[in-house]
PDB file of all heavy atoms in Angstrom:
ATOM      1  N   ASP A   1     -11.993   3.712  -3.828  1.00  0.00           N
ATOM      2  CA  ASP A   1     -13.227   2.848  -3.806  1.00  0.00           C
ATOM      3  C   ASP A   1     -13.110   1.508  -4.755  1.00  0.00           C
ATOM      4  O   ASP A   1     -14.120   0.796  -4.916  1.00  0.00           O
ATOM      5  CB  ASP A   1     -14.445   3.489  -4.205  1.00  0.00           C
ATOM      6  CG  ASP A   1     -14.265   4.264  -5.626  1.00  0.00           C
ATOM      7  OD1 ASP A   1     -13.184   4.111  -6.163  1.00  0.00           O
ATOM      8  OD2 ASP A   1     -15.312   4.697  -6.074  1.00  0.00           O
ATOM      9  N   ARG A   2     -11.866   1.315  -5.231  1.00  0.00           N
ATOM     10  CA  ARG A   2     -11.715   0.188  -6.188  1.00  0.00           C
ATOM     11  C   ARG A   2     -11.318  -1.079  -5.342  1.00  0.00           C
ATOM     12  O   ARG A   2     -10.648  -1.042  -4.397  1.00  0.00           O
ATOM     13  CB  ARG A   2     -10.510   0.492  -7.168  1.00  0.00           C
ATOM     14  CG  ARG A   2     -10.839   1.688  -8.109  1.00  0.00           C
ATOM     15  CD  ARG A   2     -11.447   1.181  -9.381  1.00  0.00           C
ATOM     16  NE  ARG A   2     -10.702   0.151 -10.003  1.00  0.00           N
ATOM     17  CZ  ARG A   2      -9.637   0.413 -11.013  1.00  0.00           C
ATOM     18  NH1 ARG A   2      -9.320   1.826 -11.103  1.00  0.00           N
ATOM     19  NH2 ARG A   2      -8.927  -0.438 -11.596  1.00  0.00           N
ATOM     20  N   ILE A   3     -11.863  -2.247  -5.906  1.00  0.00           N
ATOM     21  CA  ILE A   3     -11.506  -3.544  -5.297  1.00  0.00           C
ATOM     22  C   ILE A   3      -9.965  -3.849  -5.533  1.00  0.00           C
ATOM     23  O   ILE A   3      -9.548  -3.683  -6.731  1.00  0.00           O
ATOM     24  CB  ILE A   3     -12.411  -4.673  -5.655  1.00  0.00           C
ATOM     25  CG1 ILE A   3     -13.855  -4.318  -5.246  1.00  0.00           C
ATOM     26  CG2 ILE A   3     -11.907  -5.974  -5.223  1.00  0.00           C
ATOM     27  CD1 ILE A   3     -14.945  -5.330  -5.640  1.00  0.00           C
ATOM     28  N   ILE A   4      -9.216  -4.302  -4.630  1.00  0.00           N
ATOM     29  CA  ILE A   4      -7.749  -4.316  -4.862  1.00  0.00           C
ATOM     30  C   ILE A   4      -7.385  -5.387  -5.889  1.00  0.00           C
ATOM     31  O   ILE A   4      -6.519  -5.005  -6.740  1.00  0.00           O
ATOM     32  CB  ILE A   4      -7.099  -4.836  -3.416  1.00  0.00           C
ATOM     33  CG1 ILE A   4      -7.224  -3.585  -2.437  1.00  0.00           C
ATOM     34  CG2 ILE A   4      -5.629  -5.258  -3.689  1.00  0.00           C
ATOM     35  CD1 ILE A   4      -6.710  -3.983  -1.026  1.00  0.00           C
ATOM     36  N   LYS A   5      -8.161  -6.388  -6.043  1.00  0.00           N
ATOM     37  CA  LYS A   5      -7.805  -7.441  -7.097  1.00  0.00           C
ATOM     38  C   LYS A   5      -7.960  -6.969  -8.458  1.00  0.00           C
ATOM     39  O   LYS A   5      -7.505  -7.449  -9.488  1.00  0.00           O
ATOM     40  CB  LYS A   5      -8.551  -8.726  -6.827  1.00  0.00           C
ATOM     41  CG  LYS A   5     -10.075  -8.664  -7.090  1.00  0.00           C
ATOM     42  CD  LYS A   5     -10.704  -9.980  -6.985  1.00  0.00           C
ATOM     43  CE  LYS A   5     -12.266  -9.898  -7.037  1.00  0.00           C
ATOM     44  NZ  LYS A   5     -12.917 -11.120  -6.673  1.00  0.00           N
ATOM     45  N   HIS A   6      -8.662  -5.867  -8.639  1.00  0.00           N
ATOM     46  CA  HIS A   6      -8.817  -5.307 -10.003  1.00  0.00           C
ATOM     47  C   HIS A   6      -7.800  -4.148 -10.337  1.00  0.00           C
ATOM     48  O   HIS A   6      -7.863  -3.601 -11.420  1.00  0.00           O
ATOM     49  CB  HIS A   6     -10.167  -4.547 -10.043  1.00  0.00           C
ATOM     50  CG  HIS A   6     -11.342  -5.640  -9.968  1.00  0.00           C
ATOM     51  ND1 HIS A   6     -12.591  -5.290  -9.462  1.00  0.00           N
ATOM     52  CD2 HIS A   6     -11.353  -7.019 -10.208  1.00  0.00           C
ATOM     53  CE1 HIS A   6     -13.353  -6.354  -9.559  1.00  0.00           C
ATOM     54  NE2 HIS A   6     -12.687  -7.424  -9.931  1.00  0.00           N
ATOM     55  N   LEU A   7      -6.845  -3.944  -9.395  1.00  0.00           N
ATOM     56  CA  LEU A   7      -5.831  -2.894  -9.613  1.00  0.00           C
ATOM     57  C   LEU A   7      -4.767  -3.459 -10.312  1.00  0.00           C
ATOM     58  O   LEU A   7      -4.490  -4.783 -10.287  1.00  0.00           O
ATOM     59  CB  LEU A   7      -5.336  -2.342  -8.293  1.00  0.00           C
ATOM     60  CG  LEU A   7      -6.411  -1.632  -7.372  1.00  0.00           C
ATOM     61  CD1 LEU A   7      -5.784  -1.139  -6.155  1.00  0.00           C
ATOM     62  CD2 LEU A   7      -6.954  -0.390  -8.098  1.00  0.00           C
ATOM     63  N   SER A   8      -3.931  -2.600 -11.092  1.00  0.00           N
ATOM     64  CA  SER A   8      -2.655  -3.130 -11.663  1.00  0.00           C
ATOM     65  C   SER A   8      -1.615  -3.416 -10.467  1.00  0.00           C
ATOM     66  O   SER A   8      -1.858  -2.988  -9.384  1.00  0.00           O
ATOM     67  CB  SER A   8      -2.044  -1.944 -12.533  1.00  0.00           C
ATOM     68  OG  SER A   8      -1.683  -0.961 -11.694  1.00  0.00           O
ATOM     69  N   LYS A   9      -0.587  -4.141 -10.988  1.00  0.00           N
ATOM     70  CA  LYS A   9       0.391  -4.500 -10.021  1.00  0.00           C
ATOM     71  C   LYS A   9       0.995  -3.308  -9.360  1.00  0.00           C
ATOM     72  O   LYS A   9       1.360  -3.222  -8.179  1.00  0.00           O
ATOM     73  CB  LYS A   9       1.533  -5.343 -10.719  1.00  0.00           C
ATOM     74  CG  LYS A   9       2.610  -5.886  -9.763  1.00  0.00           C
ATOM     75  CD  LYS A   9       3.563  -6.754 -10.494  1.00  0.00           C
ATOM     76  CE  LYS A   9       4.630  -7.288  -9.565  1.00  0.00           C
ATOM     77  NZ  LYS A   9       5.643  -8.170 -10.229  1.00  0.00           N
ATOM     78  N   GLY A  10       1.218  -2.263 -10.210  1.00  0.00           N
ATOM     79  CA  GLY A  10       1.831  -1.010  -9.674  1.00  0.00           C
ATOM     80  C   GLY A  10       1.014  -0.354  -8.581  1.00  0.00           C
ATOM     81  O   GLY A  10       1.497   0.089  -7.514  1.00  0.00           O
ATOM     82  N   TYR A  11      -0.394  -0.363  -8.708  1.00  0.00           N
ATOM     83  CA  TYR A  11      -1.229   0.266  -7.748  1.00  0.00           C
ATOM     84  C   TYR A  11      -1.317  -0.691  -6.414  1.00  0.00           C
ATOM     85  O   TYR A  11      -1.376  -0.167  -5.308  1.00  0.00           O
ATOM     86  CB  TYR A  11      -2.669   0.443  -8.374  1.00  0.00           C
ATOM     87  CG  TYR A  11      -2.917   1.771  -8.906  1.00  0.00           C
ATOM     88  CD1 TYR A  11      -2.970   1.990 -10.176  1.00  0.00           C
ATOM     89  CD2 TYR A  11      -2.871   2.962  -8.068  1.00  0.00           C
ATOM     90  CE1 TYR A  11      -3.092   3.224 -10.793  1.00  0.00           C
ATOM     91  CE2 TYR A  11      -3.106   4.113  -8.532  1.00  0.00           C
ATOM     92  CZ  TYR A  11      -3.236   4.325 -10.006  1.00  0.00           C
ATOM     93  OH  TYR A  11      -3.361   5.561 -10.546  1.00  0.00           O
ATOM     94  N   ARG A  12      -1.221  -1.994  -6.666  1.00  0.00           N
ATOM     95  CA  ARG A  12      -1.257  -2.955  -5.537  1.00  0.00           C
ATOM     96  C   ARG A  12      -0.017  -2.628  -4.721  1.00  0.00           C
ATOM     97  O   ARG A  12      -0.011  -2.829  -3.441  1.00  0.00           O
ATOM     98  CB  ARG A  12      -1.423  -4.348  -6.017  1.00  0.00           C
ATOM     99  CG  ARG A  12      -2.703  -4.765  -6.488  1.00  0.00           C
ATOM    100  CD  ARG A  12      -2.835  -6.262  -6.664  1.00  0.00           C
ATOM    101  NE  ARG A  12      -1.873  -6.854  -7.401  1.00  0.00           N
ATOM    102  CZ  ARG A  12      -1.954  -7.257  -8.751  1.00  0.00           C
ATOM    103  NH1 ARG A  12      -3.091  -6.719  -9.356  1.00  0.00           N
ATOM    104  NH2 ARG A  12      -1.146  -7.863  -9.323  1.00  0.00           N
ATOM    105  N   GLN A  13       1.135  -2.421  -5.404  1.00  0.00           N
ATOM    106  CA  GLN A  13       2.463  -2.059  -4.762  1.00  0.00           C
ATOM    107  C   GLN A  13       2.248  -0.820  -3.864  1.00  0.00           C
ATOM    108  O   GLN A  13       2.717  -0.749  -2.820  1.00  0.00           O
ATOM    109  CB  GLN A  13       3.591  -1.850  -5.749  1.00  0.00           C
ATOM    110  CG  GLN A  13       4.917  -1.990  -5.168  1.00  0.00           C
ATOM    111  CD  GLN A  13       5.344  -3.332  -4.637  1.00  0.00           C
ATOM    112  OE1 GLN A  13       4.649  -4.407  -4.867  1.00  0.00           O
ATOM    113  NE2 GLN A  13       6.453  -3.455  -3.981  1.00  0.00           N
ATOM    114  N   ARG A  14       1.570   0.088  -4.400  1.00  0.00           N
ATOM    115  CA  ARG A  14       1.297   1.418  -3.585  1.00  0.00           C
ATOM    116  C   ARG A  14       0.511   1.143  -2.386  1.00  0.00           C
ATOM    117  O   ARG A  14       0.747   1.749  -1.351  1.00  0.00           O
ATOM    118  CB  ARG A  14       0.679   2.351  -4.610  1.00  0.00           C
ATOM    119  CG  ARG A  14       1.577   2.872  -5.745  1.00  0.00           C
ATOM    120  CD  ARG A  14       0.927   4.163  -6.245  1.00  0.00           C
ATOM    121  NE  ARG A  14       1.228   4.279  -7.684  1.00  0.00           N
ATOM    122  CZ  ARG A  14       0.836   5.499  -8.371  1.00  0.00           C
ATOM    123  NH1 ARG A  14       0.331   6.488  -7.767  1.00  0.00           N
ATOM    124  NH2 ARG A  14       1.131   5.561  -9.612  1.00  0.00           N
ATOM    125  N   VAL A  15      -0.574   0.316  -2.603  1.00  0.00           N
ATOM    126  CA  VAL A  15      -1.404  -0.065  -1.470  1.00  0.00           C
ATOM    127  C   VAL A  15      -0.559  -0.627  -0.398  1.00  0.00           C
ATOM    128  O   VAL A  15      -0.774  -0.387   0.854  1.00  0.00           O
ATOM    129  CB  VAL A  15      -2.567  -0.986  -1.993  1.00  0.00           C
ATOM    130  CG1 VAL A  15      -3.389  -1.379  -0.615  1.00  0.00           C
ATOM    131  CG2 VAL A  15      -3.532  -0.211  -2.903  1.00  0.00           C
ATOM    132  N   GLY A  16       0.371  -1.558  -0.745  1.00  0.00           N
ATOM    133  CA  GLY A  16       1.152  -2.163   0.337  1.00  0.00           C
ATOM    134  C   GLY A  16       2.113  -1.149   0.960  1.00  0.00           C
ATOM    135  O   GLY A  16       2.314  -1.333   2.178  1.00  0.00           O
ATOM    136  N   PHE A  17       2.572  -0.231   0.171  1.00  0.00           N
ATOM    137  CA  PHE A  17       3.409   0.730   0.854  1.00  0.00           C
ATOM    138  C   PHE A  17       2.570   1.699   1.661  1.00  0.00           C
ATOM    139  O   PHE A  17       3.065   2.074   2.869  1.00  0.00           O
ATOM    140  CB  PHE A  17       4.035   1.684  -0.338  1.00  0.00           C
ATOM    141  CG  PHE A  17       5.142   2.517   0.061  1.00  0.00           C
ATOM    142  CD1 PHE A  17       5.939   2.280   1.294  1.00  0.00           C
ATOM    143  CD2 PHE A  17       5.450   3.600  -0.573  1.00  0.00           C
ATOM    144  CE1 PHE A  17       6.986   3.112   1.594  1.00  0.00           C
ATOM    145  CE2 PHE A  17       6.545   4.479  -0.306  1.00  0.00           C
ATOM    146  CZ  PHE A  17       7.224   4.171   0.838  1.00  0.00           C
ATOM    147  N   ALA A  18       1.325   1.906   1.459  1.00  0.00           N
ATOM    148  CA  ALA A  18       0.493   2.712   2.189  1.00  0.00           C
ATOM    149  C   ALA A  18       0.238   2.135   3.588  1.00  0.00           C
ATOM    150  O   ALA A  18       0.280   2.765   4.653  1.00  0.00           O
ATOM    151  CB  ALA A  18      -0.864   3.025   1.538  1.00  0.00           C
ATOM    152  N   GLN A  19       0.065   0.782   3.547  1.00  0.00           N
ATOM    153  CA  GLN A  19      -0.202   0.102   4.861  1.00  0.00           C
ATOM    154  C   GLN A  19       1.044   0.098   5.712  1.00  0.00           C
ATOM    155  O   GLN A  19       0.923   0.156   7.028  1.00  0.00           O
ATOM    156  CB  GLN A  19      -0.706  -1.254   4.641  1.00  0.00           C
ATOM    157  CG  GLN A  19       0.283  -2.375   4.065  1.00  0.00           C
ATOM    158  CD  GLN A  19       1.356  -2.840   5.014  1.00  0.00           C
ATOM    159  OE1 GLN A  19       1.101  -2.868   6.272  1.00  0.00           O
ATOM    160  NE2 GLN A  19       2.567  -3.333   4.437  1.00  0.00           N
ATOM    161  N   ALA A  20       2.292   0.075   5.062  1.00  0.00           N
ATOM    162  CA  ALA A  20       3.474   0.181   5.917  1.00  0.00           C
ATOM    163  C   ALA A  20       3.714   1.545   6.539  1.00  0.00           C
ATOM    164  O   ALA A  20       4.189   1.662   7.519  1.00  0.00           O
ATOM    165  CB  ALA A  20       4.673  -0.130   4.885  1.00  0.00           C
ATOM    166  N   LEU A  21       3.048   2.496   5.844  1.00  0.00           N
ATOM    167  CA  LEU A  21       3.284   3.852   6.380  1.00  0.00           C
ATOM    168  C   LEU A  21       2.254   4.283   7.513  1.00  0.00           C
ATOM    169  O   LEU A  21       2.358   5.284   8.117  1.00  0.00           O
ATOM    170  CB  LEU A  21       3.150   4.908   5.276  1.00  0.00           C
ATOM    171  CG  LEU A  21       4.239   5.063   4.268  1.00  0.00           C
ATOM    172  CD1 LEU A  21       3.842   5.944   3.150  1.00  0.00           C
ATOM    173  CD2 LEU A  21       5.598   5.534   4.993  1.00  0.00           C
ATOM    174  N   LEU A  22       1.259   3.480   7.712  1.00  0.00           N
ATOM    175  CA  LEU A  22       0.145   3.741   8.743  1.00  0.00           C
ATOM    176  C   LEU A  22       0.674   3.891  10.084  1.00  0.00           C
ATOM    177  O   LEU A  22       1.545   3.041  10.560  1.00  0.00           O
ATOM    178  CB  LEU A  22      -0.876   2.614   8.796  1.00  0.00           C
ATOM    179  CG  LEU A  22      -1.834   2.530   7.568  1.00  0.00           C
ATOM    180  CD1 LEU A  22      -2.637   1.314   7.601  1.00  0.00           C
ATOM    181  CD2 LEU A  22      -2.759   3.795   7.577  1.00  0.00           C
ATOM    182  N   GLY A  23       0.361   5.043  10.716  1.00  0.00           N
ATOM    183  CA  GLY A  23       1.012   5.298  12.006  1.00  0.00           C
ATOM    184  C   GLY A  23       2.345   6.011  12.004  1.00  0.00           C
ATOM    185  O   GLY A  23       2.953   6.350  12.985  1.00  0.00           O
ATOM    186  N   TYR A  24       2.953   6.086  10.729  1.00  0.00           N
ATOM    187  CA  TYR A  24       4.231   6.799  10.624  1.00  0.00           C
ATOM    188  C   TYR A  24       5.278   6.172  11.502  1.00  0.00           C
ATOM    189  O   TYR A  24       5.909   6.860  12.387  1.00  0.00           O
ATOM    190  CB  TYR A  24       4.176   8.261  10.788  1.00  0.00           C
ATOM    191  CG  TYR A  24       3.425   8.963   9.829  1.00  0.00           C
ATOM    192  CD1 TYR A  24       2.495  10.001  10.206  1.00  0.00           C
ATOM    193  CD2 TYR A  24       3.623   8.673   8.444  1.00  0.00           C
ATOM    194  CE1 TYR A  24       1.745  10.618   9.296  1.00  0.00           C
ATOM    195  CE2 TYR A  24       2.873   9.352   7.564  1.00  0.00           C
ATOM    196  CZ  TYR A  24       1.855  10.410   7.869  1.00  0.00           C
ATOM    197  OH  TYR A  24       1.176  11.095   6.959  1.00  0.00           O
ATOM    198  N   PRO A  25       5.473   4.741  11.387  1.00  0.00           N
ATOM    199  CA  PRO A  25       6.459   4.037  12.276  1.00  0.00           C
ATOM    200  C   PRO A  25       7.898   4.612  11.969  1.00  0.00           C
ATOM    201  O   PRO A  25       8.094   5.065  10.842  1.00  0.00           O
ATOM    202  CB  PRO A  25       6.353   2.710  11.823  1.00  0.00           C
ATOM    203  CG  PRO A  25       5.813   2.716  10.428  1.00  0.00           C
ATOM    204  CD  PRO A  25       4.846   3.943  10.418  1.00  0.00           C
ATOM    205  N   PRO A  26       8.766   4.738  12.948  1.00  0.00           N
ATOM    206  CA  PRO A  26      10.101   5.344  12.792  1.00  0.00           C
ATOM    207  C   PRO A  26      11.031   4.534  11.929  1.00  0.00           C
ATOM    208  O   PRO A  26      11.880   5.048  11.283  1.00  0.00           O
ATOM    209  CB  PRO A  26      10.639   5.461  14.253  1.00  0.00           C
ATOM    210  CG  PRO A  26       9.806   4.578  15.013  1.00  0.00           C
ATOM    211  CD  PRO A  26       8.435   4.489  14.354  1.00  0.00           C
ATOM    212  N   VAL A  27      10.689   3.264  11.837  1.00  0.00           N
ATOM    213  CA  VAL A  27      11.496   2.335  11.056  1.00  0.00           C
ATOM    214  C   VAL A  27      10.734   1.755   9.838  1.00  0.00           C
ATOM    215  O   VAL A  27       9.593   1.313  10.092  1.00  0.00           O
ATOM    216  CB  VAL A  27      11.991   1.151  11.791  1.00  0.00           C
ATOM    217  CG1 VAL A  27      12.672   0.052  10.889  1.00  0.00           C
ATOM    218  CG2 VAL A  27      12.945   1.590  12.901  1.00  0.00           C
ATOM    219  N   LEU A  28      11.148   1.961   8.685  1.00  0.00           N
ATOM    220  CA  LEU A  28      10.558   1.406   7.444  1.00  0.00           C
ATOM    221  C   LEU A  28      11.460   0.355   6.706  1.00  0.00           C
ATOM    222  O   LEU A  28      12.643   0.613   6.485  1.00  0.00           O
ATOM    223  CB  LEU A  28      10.177   2.523   6.387  1.00  0.00           C
ATOM    224  CG  LEU A  28       9.275   3.408   6.819  1.00  0.00           C
ATOM    225  CD1 LEU A  28       9.148   4.614   5.888  1.00  0.00           C
ATOM    226  CD2 LEU A  28       7.718   2.869   6.970  1.00  0.00           C
ATOM    227  N   ILE A  29      10.825  -0.839   6.503  1.00  0.00           N
ATOM    228  CA  ILE A  29      11.601  -1.874   5.847  1.00  0.00           C
ATOM    229  C   ILE A  29      10.970  -2.186   4.519  1.00  0.00           C
ATOM    230  O   ILE A  29       9.761  -2.745   4.541  1.00  0.00           O
ATOM    231  CB  ILE A  29      11.840  -3.181   6.668  1.00  0.00           C
ATOM    232  CG1 ILE A  29      12.619  -2.795   7.940  1.00  0.00           C
ATOM    233  CG2 ILE A  29      12.572  -4.331   6.030  1.00  0.00           C
ATOM    234  CD1 ILE A  29      12.701  -3.908   8.998  1.00  0.00           C
TER     235      ILE A  29
END
């Protein structure tokens, strides 16, 4: 429930990783 701009760089990186995993695509870059 936190606004993304208020997160640390590490947490923002995790959010980016989470969006890459959505749908469990067979290829991750």
